[in-house]
Amino acid sequence: MAFVLHADGRMSGRIGGGDLTGTWYWSEGFFCRTAQRDGEDLGLDCEAIEVLGDRIRYTSDKGTGDASIVRVI
């Protein structure tokens, strides 16, 4: 998994073995994104973000859902 959050609100990269595209923005303190993986709509999700050194934990559904940890490079 490797993806980029561009300053203009786009996101791109690879996740789950497929190409990732989408948009992102901040809303009420949550990281919100719409995304597609290989053309499959992943929908809108607003996630709680926690910075853990060189890692970031994204927790879906405004912090009540599943969590993923990514490393910042």
PDB file of N, CA and C in Angstrom:
ATOM      1  N   MET A   1       0.842  -1.169   0.000  1.00  0.00           N
ATOM      2  CA  MET A   1       0.000   0.000   0.000  1.00  0.00           C
ATOM      3  C   MET A   1       0.888   1.232   0.000  1.00  0.00           C
ATOM      4  N   ALA A   2       0.630   2.120  -0.926  1.00  0.00           N
ATOM      5  CA  ALA A   2       1.318   3.407  -0.978  1.00  0.00           C
ATOM      6  C   ALA A   2       0.384   4.389  -1.662  1.00  0.00           C
ATOM      7  N   PHE A   3       0.132   5.504  -1.008  1.00  0.00           N
ATOM      8  CA  PHE A   3      -0.726   6.503  -1.615  1.00  0.00           C
ATOM      9  C   PHE A   3      -0.253   7.892  -1.219  1.00  0.00           C
ATOM     10  N   VAL A   4      -0.699   8.884  -2.009  1.00  0.00           N
ATOM     11  CA  VAL A   4      -0.303  10.266  -1.811  1.00  0.00           C
ATOM     12  C   VAL A   4      -1.564  11.103  -1.632  1.00  0.00           C
ATOM     13  N   LEU A   5      -1.539  11.966  -0.617  1.00  0.00           N
ATOM     14  CA  LEU A   5      -2.580  12.969  -0.442  1.00  0.00           C
ATOM     15  C   LEU A   5      -2.024  14.269  -1.003  1.00  0.00           C
ATOM     16  N   HIS A   6      -2.528  14.698  -2.144  1.00  0.00           N
ATOM     17  CA  HIS A   6      -2.039  15.893  -2.816  1.00  0.00           C
ATOM     18  C   HIS A   6      -2.645  17.141  -2.168  1.00  0.00           C
ATOM     19  N   ALA A   7      -1.899  18.232  -2.185  1.00  0.00           N
ATOM     20  CA  ALA A   7      -2.342  19.487  -1.565  1.00  0.00           C
ATOM     21  C   ALA A   7      -3.622  20.032  -2.192  1.00  0.00           C
ATOM     22  N   ASP A   8      -3.916  19.675  -3.442  1.00  0.00           N
ATOM     23  CA  ASP A   8      -5.114  20.184  -4.110  1.00  0.00           C
ATOM     24  C   ASP A   8      -6.365  19.350  -3.833  1.00  0.00           C
ATOM     25  N   GLY A   9      -6.268  18.376  -2.901  1.00  0.00           N
ATOM     26  CA  GLY A   9      -7.427  17.576  -2.516  1.00  0.00           C
ATOM     27  C   GLY A   9      -7.577  16.262  -3.249  1.00  0.00           C
ATOM     28  N   ARG A  10      -6.654  15.960  -4.156  1.00  0.00           N
ATOM     29  CA  ARG A  10      -6.682  14.650  -4.828  1.00  0.00           C
ATOM     30  C   ARG A  10      -5.934  13.631  -3.995  1.00  0.00           C
ATOM     31  N   MET A  11      -6.251  12.362  -4.189  1.00  0.00           N
ATOM     32  CA  MET A  11      -5.434  11.282  -3.646  1.00  0.00           C
ATOM     33  C   MET A  11      -5.228  10.254  -4.742  1.00  0.00           C
ATOM     34  N   SER A  12      -4.049   9.598  -4.700  1.00  0.00           N
ATOM     35  CA  SER A  12      -3.717   8.617  -5.720  1.00  0.00           C
ATOM     36  C   SER A  12      -2.727   7.625  -5.148  1.00  0.00           C
ATOM     37  N   GLY A  13      -2.671   6.462  -5.758  1.00  0.00           N
ATOM     38  CA  GLY A  13      -1.702   5.463  -5.327  1.00  0.00           C
ATOM     39  C   GLY A  13      -2.204   4.057  -5.564  1.00  0.00           C
ATOM     40  N   ARG A  14      -1.730   3.143  -4.700  1.00  0.00           N
ATOM     41  CA  ARG A  14      -2.117   1.728  -4.769  1.00  0.00           C
ATOM     42  C   ARG A  14      -2.503   1.266  -3.374  1.00  0.00           C
ATOM     43  N   ILE A  15      -3.584   0.510  -3.303  1.00  0.00           N
ATOM     44  CA  ILE A  15      -4.057  -0.024  -2.029  1.00  0.00           C
ATOM     45  C   ILE A  15      -4.802  -1.326  -2.298  1.00  0.00           C
ATOM     46  N   GLY A  16      -4.564  -2.318  -1.489  1.00  0.00           N
ATOM     47  CA  GLY A  16      -5.251  -3.586  -1.670  1.00  0.00           C
ATOM     48  C   GLY A  16      -5.034  -4.207  -3.029  1.00  0.00           C
ATOM     49  N   GLY A  17      -3.854  -3.979  -3.624  1.00  0.00           N
ATOM     50  CA  GLY A  17      -3.531  -4.560  -4.916  1.00  0.00           C
ATOM     51  C   GLY A  17      -4.138  -3.839  -6.107  1.00  0.00           C
ATOM     52  N   GLY A  18      -4.789  -2.685  -5.885  1.00  0.00           N
ATOM     53  CA  GLY A  18      -5.400  -1.970  -6.996  1.00  0.00           C
ATOM     54  C   GLY A  18      -5.037  -0.502  -6.997  1.00  0.00           C
ATOM     55  N   ASP A  19      -5.336   0.164  -8.109  1.00  0.00           N
ATOM     56  CA  ASP A  19      -5.082   1.597  -8.237  1.00  0.00           C
ATOM     57  C   ASP A  19      -6.119   2.374  -7.429  1.00  0.00           C
ATOM     58  N   LEU A  20      -5.654   3.348  -6.666  1.00  0.00           N
ATOM     59  CA  LEU A  20      -6.506   4.184  -5.823  1.00  0.00           C
ATOM     60  C   LEU A  20      -6.579   5.587  -6.408  1.00  0.00           C
ATOM     61  N   THR A  21      -7.791   6.119  -6.530  1.00  0.00           N
ATOM     62  CA  THR A  21      -8.003   7.512  -6.897  1.00  0.00           C
ATOM     63  C   THR A  21      -9.093   8.061  -5.996  1.00  0.00           C
ATOM     64  N   GLY A  22      -9.108   9.369  -5.836  1.00  0.00           N
ATOM     65  CA  GLY A  22     -10.168   9.959  -5.036  1.00  0.00           C
ATOM     66  C   GLY A  22      -9.865  11.378  -4.644  1.00  0.00           C
ATOM     67  N   THR A  23     -10.661  11.876  -3.715  1.00  0.00           N
ATOM     68  CA  THR A  23     -10.494  13.220  -3.191  1.00  0.00           C
ATOM     69  C   THR A  23     -10.554  13.171  -1.665  1.00  0.00           C
ATOM     70  N   TRP A  24      -9.994  14.211  -1.035  1.00  0.00           N
ATOM     71  CA  TRP A  24     -10.016  14.276   0.424  1.00  0.00           C
ATOM     72  C   TRP A  24     -10.191  15.722   0.872  1.00  0.00           C
ATOM     73  N   TYR A  25     -10.687  15.880   2.111  1.00  0.00           N
ATOM     74  CA  TYR A  25     -10.854  17.202   2.713  1.00  0.00           C
ATOM     75  C   TYR A  25     -11.043  17.021   4.217  1.00  0.00           C
ATOM     76  N   TRP A  26     -10.892  18.106   4.963  1.00  0.00           N
ATOM     77  CA  TRP A  26     -11.126  18.104   6.406  1.00  0.00           C
ATOM     78  C   TRP A  26     -12.536  18.609   6.678  1.00  0.00           C
ATOM     79  N   SER A  27     -13.246  17.979   7.630  1.00  0.00           N
ATOM     80  CA  SER A  27     -14.574  18.422   8.029  1.00  0.00           C
ATOM     81  C   SER A  27     -14.778  18.141   9.511  1.00  0.00           C
ATOM     82  N   GLU A  28     -14.987  19.200  10.278  1.00  0.00           N
ATOM     83  CA  GLU A  28     -15.256  19.082  11.714  1.00  0.00           C
ATOM     84  C   GLU A  28     -14.184  18.252  12.430  1.00  0.00           C
ATOM     85  N   GLY A  29     -12.933  18.407  12.007  1.00  0.00           N
ATOM     86  CA  GLY A  29     -11.822  17.708  12.624  1.00  0.00           C
ATOM     87  C   GLY A  29     -11.580  16.293  12.122  1.00  0.00           C
ATOM     88  N   PHE A  30     -12.368  15.838  11.160  1.00  0.00           N
ATOM     89  CA  PHE A  30     -12.203  14.499  10.597  1.00  0.00           C
ATOM     90  C   PHE A  30     -11.638  14.593   9.188  1.00  0.00           C
ATOM     91  N   PHE A  31     -10.845  13.593   8.827  1.00  0.00           N
ATOM     92  CA  PHE A  31     -10.310  13.430   7.484  1.00  0.00           C
ATOM     93  C   PHE A  31     -11.385  12.709   6.673  1.00  0.00           C
ATOM     94  N   CYS A  32     -11.946  13.392   5.690  1.00  0.00           N
ATOM     95  CA  CYS A  32     -13.002  12.799   4.872  1.00  0.00           C
ATOM     96  C   CYS A  32     -12.452  12.510   3.478  1.00  0.00           C
ATOM     97  N   ARG A  33     -12.874  11.380   2.926  1.00  0.00           N
ATOM     98  CA  ARG A  33     -12.394  11.012   1.600  1.00  0.00           C
ATOM     99  C   ARG A  33     -13.474  10.265   0.835  1.00  0.00           C
ATOM    100  N   THR A  34     -13.448  10.471  -0.463  1.00  0.00           N
ATOM    101  CA  THR A  34     -14.178   9.624  -1.392  1.00  0.00           C
ATOM    102  C   THR A  34     -13.100   8.922  -2.205  1.00  0.00           C
ATOM    103  N   ALA A  35     -13.296   7.667  -2.516  1.00  0.00           N
ATOM    104  CA  ALA A  35     -12.226   6.934  -3.199  1.00  0.00           C
ATOM    105  C   ALA A  35     -12.793   5.848  -4.101  1.00  0.00           C
ATOM    106  N   GLN A  36     -11.965   5.487  -5.069  1.00  0.00           N
ATOM    107  CA  GLN A  36     -12.242   4.361  -5.953  1.00  0.00           C
ATOM    108  C   GLN A  36     -10.982   3.500  -6.023  1.00  0.00           C
ATOM    109  N   ARG A  37     -11.175   2.185  -6.004  1.00  0.00           N
ATOM    110  CA  ARG A  37     -10.066   1.251  -6.204  1.00  0.00           C
ATOM    111  C   ARG A  37     -10.378   0.446  -7.451  1.00  0.00           C
ATOM    112  N   ASP A  38      -9.529   0.604  -8.462  1.00  0.00           N
ATOM    113  CA  ASP A  38      -9.742  -0.042  -9.758  1.00  0.00           C
ATOM    114  C   ASP A  38     -11.160   0.195 -10.266  1.00  0.00           C
ATOM    115  N   GLY A  39     -11.666   1.417 -10.074  1.00  0.00           N
ATOM    116  CA  GLY A  39     -12.993   1.774 -10.554  1.00  0.00           C
ATOM    117  C   GLY A  39     -14.127   1.427  -9.610  1.00  0.00           C
ATOM    118  N   GLU A  40     -13.866   0.631  -8.570  1.00  0.00           N
ATOM    119  CA  GLU A  40     -14.901   0.278  -7.587  1.00  0.00           C
ATOM    120  C   GLU A  40     -15.062   1.424  -6.587  1.00  0.00           C
ATOM    121  N   ASP A  41     -16.274   1.912  -6.444  1.00  0.00           N
ATOM    122  CA  ASP A  41     -16.546   3.025  -5.537  1.00  0.00           C
ATOM    123  C   ASP A  41     -16.426   2.561  -4.089  1.00  0.00           C
ATOM    124  N   LEU A  42     -15.521   3.195  -3.337  1.00  0.00           N
ATOM    125  CA  LEU A  42     -15.358   2.882  -1.920  1.00  0.00           C
ATOM    126  C   LEU A  42     -16.181   3.826  -1.046  1.00  0.00           C
ATOM    127  N   GLY A  43     -16.860   4.767  -1.683  1.00  0.00           N
ATOM    128  CA  GLY A  43     -17.772   5.651  -0.970  1.00  0.00           C
ATOM    129  C   GLY A  43     -17.079   6.747  -0.188  1.00  0.00           C
ATOM    130  N   LEU A  44     -17.890   7.452   0.599  1.00  0.00           N
ATOM    131  CA  LEU A  44     -17.417   8.524   1.463  1.00  0.00           C
ATOM    132  C   LEU A  44     -17.207   7.970   2.865  1.00  0.00           C
ATOM    133  N   ASP A  45     -16.097   8.350   3.484  1.00  0.00           N
ATOM    134  CA  ASP A  45     -15.855   8.014   4.884  1.00  0.00           C
ATOM    135  C   ASP A  45     -15.131   9.185   5.520  1.00  0.00           C
ATOM    136  N   CYS A  46     -15.534   9.548   6.730  1.00  0.00           N
ATOM    137  CA  CYS A  46     -14.830  10.549   7.516  1.00  0.00           C
ATOM    138  C   CYS A  46     -14.167   9.813   8.668  1.00  0.00           C
ATOM    139  N   GLU A  47     -12.860   9.987   8.788  1.00  0.00           N
ATOM    140  CA  GLU A  47     -12.048   9.171   9.683  1.00  0.00           C
ATOM    141  C   GLU A  47     -11.370  10.011  10.754  1.00  0.00           C
ATOM    142  N   ALA A  48     -11.238   9.430  11.938  1.00  0.00           N
ATOM    143  CA  ALA A  48     -10.436  10.044  12.998  1.00  0.00           C
ATOM    144  C   ALA A  48      -8.977   9.740  12.688  1.00  0.00           C
ATOM    145  N   ILE A  49      -8.095  10.721  12.885  1.00  0.00           N
ATOM    146  CA  ILE A  49      -6.677  10.585  12.570  1.00  0.00           C
ATOM    147  C   ILE A  49      -5.863  10.750  13.849  1.00  0.00           C
ATOM    148  N   GLU A  50      -4.915   9.831  14.063  1.00  0.00           N
ATOM    149  CA  GLU A  50      -3.977   9.938  15.177  1.00  0.00           C
ATOM    150  C   GLU A  50      -2.565   9.796  14.637  1.00  0.00           C
ATOM    151  N   VAL A  51      -1.692  10.711  15.003  1.00  0.00           N
ATOM    152  CA  VAL A  51      -0.293  10.649  14.583  1.00  0.00           C
ATOM    153  C   VAL A  51       0.484   9.914  15.666  1.00  0.00           C
ATOM    154  N   LEU A  52       1.211   8.888  15.248  1.00  0.00           N
ATOM    155  CA  LEU A  52       1.988   8.040  16.149  1.00  0.00           C
ATOM    156  C   LEU A  52       3.428   7.996  15.652  1.00  0.00           C
ATOM    157  N   GLY A  53       4.206   9.037  15.912  1.00  0.00           N
ATOM    158  CA  GLY A  53       5.569   9.104  15.380  1.00  0.00           C
ATOM    159  C   GLY A  53       5.540   9.209  13.871  1.00  0.00           C
ATOM    160  N   ASP A  54       6.128   8.208  13.159  1.00  0.00           N
ATOM    161  CA  ASP A  54       6.118   8.229  11.696  1.00  0.00           C
ATOM    162  C   ASP A  54       4.951   7.434  11.121  1.00  0.00           C
ATOM    163  N   ARG A  55       3.952   7.159  11.953  1.00  0.00           N
ATOM    164  CA  ARG A  55       2.779   6.414  11.515  1.00  0.00           C
ATOM    165  C   ARG A  55       1.509   7.229  11.792  1.00  0.00           C
ATOM    166  N   ILE A  56       0.489   6.954  11.003  1.00  0.00           N
ATOM    167  CA  ILE A  56      -0.807   7.590  11.191  1.00  0.00           C
ATOM    168  C   ILE A  56      -1.851   6.483  11.271  1.00  0.00           C
ATOM    169  N   ARG A  57      -2.705   6.579  12.301  1.00  0.00           N
ATOM    170  CA  ARG A  57      -3.817   5.630  12.422  1.00  0.00           C
ATOM    171  C   ARG A  57      -5.084   6.326  11.929  1.00  0.00           C
ATOM    172  N   TYR A  58      -5.734   5.714  10.930  1.00  0.00           N
ATOM    173  CA  TYR A  58      -7.011   6.161  10.395  1.00  0.00           C
ATOM    174  C   TYR A  58      -8.075   5.242  10.974  1.00  0.00           C
ATOM    175  N   THR A  59      -9.079   5.784  11.655  1.00  0.00           N
ATOM    176  CA  THR A  59     -10.180   4.975  12.178  1.00  0.00           C
ATOM    177  C   THR A  59     -11.467   5.431  11.500  1.00  0.00           C
ATOM    178  N   SER A  60     -12.086   4.507  10.778  1.00  0.00           N
ATOM    179  CA  SER A  60     -13.258   4.834   9.956  1.00  0.00           C
ATOM    180  C   SER A  60     -14.459   5.242  10.803  1.00  0.00           C
ATOM    181  N   ASP A  61     -15.485   5.693  10.113  1.00  0.00           N
ATOM    182  CA  ASP A  61     -16.758   6.062  10.745  1.00  0.00           C
ATOM    183  C   ASP A  61     -16.580   7.013  11.915  1.00  0.00           C
ATOM    184  N   LYS A  62     -15.818   8.077  11.681  1.00  0.00           N
ATOM    185  CA  LYS A  62     -15.569   9.112  12.692  1.00  0.00           C
ATOM    186  C   LYS A  62     -15.007   8.535  13.991  1.00  0.00           C
ATOM    187  N   GLY A  63     -14.137   7.527  13.834  1.00  0.00           N
ATOM    188  CA  GLY A  63     -13.439   6.962  14.994  1.00  0.00           C
ATOM    189  C   GLY A  63     -14.126   5.785  15.653  1.00  0.00           C
ATOM    190  N   THR A  64     -15.227   5.300  15.091  1.00  0.00           N
ATOM    191  CA  THR A  64     -15.955   4.190  15.719  1.00  0.00           C
ATOM    192  C   THR A  64     -15.811   2.871  14.955  1.00  0.00           C
ATOM    193  N   GLY A  65     -15.123   2.900  13.805  1.00  0.00           N
ATOM    194  CA  GLY A  65     -15.028   1.710  12.956  1.00  0.00           C
ATOM    195  C   GLY A  65     -13.664   1.059  12.987  1.00  0.00           C
ATOM    196  N   ASP A  66     -13.341   0.403  11.889  1.00  0.00           N
ATOM    197  CA  ASP A  66     -12.057  -0.285  11.749  1.00  0.00           C
ATOM    198  C   ASP A  66     -10.918   0.721  11.616  1.00  0.00           C
ATOM    199  N   ALA A  67      -9.741   0.312  12.080  1.00  0.00           N
ATOM    200  CA  ALA A  67      -8.559   1.177  12.024  1.00  0.00           C
ATOM    201  C   ALA A  67      -7.493   0.578  11.122  1.00  0.00           C
ATOM    202  N   SER A  68      -6.742   1.469  10.469  1.00  0.00           N
ATOM    203  CA  SER A  68      -5.571   1.090   9.677  1.00  0.00           C
ATOM    204  C   SER A  68      -4.439   2.007  10.076  1.00  0.00           C
ATOM    205  N   ILE A  69      -3.231   1.472  10.044  1.00  0.00           N
ATOM    206  CA  ILE A  69      -2.040   2.278  10.355  1.00  0.00           C
ATOM    207  C   ILE A  69      -1.163   2.311   9.128  1.00  0.00           C
ATOM    208  N   VAL A  70      -0.749   3.522   8.737  1.00  0.00           N
ATOM    209  CA  VAL A  70       0.149   3.702   7.601  1.00  0.00           C
ATOM    210  C   VAL A  70       1.400   4.435   8.069  1.00  0.00           C
ATOM    211  N   ARG A  71       2.506   4.183   7.380  1.00  0.00           N
ATOM    212  CA  ARG A  71       3.767   4.859   7.700  1.00  0.00           C
ATOM    213  C   ARG A  71       3.949   6.038   6.763  1.00  0.00           C
ATOM    214  N   VAL A  72       4.351   7.165   7.307  1.00  0.00           N
ATOM    215  CA  VAL A  72       4.586   8.363   6.515  1.00  0.00           C
ATOM    216  C   VAL A  72       6.036   8.339   6.019  1.00  0.00           C
ATOM    217  N   ILE A  73       6.199   8.504   4.703  1.00  0.00           N
ATOM    218  CA  ILE A  73       7.559   8.541   4.149  1.00  0.00           C
ATOM    219  C   ILE A  73       7.787   9.829   3.412  1.00  0.00           C
TER     220      ILE A  73
END
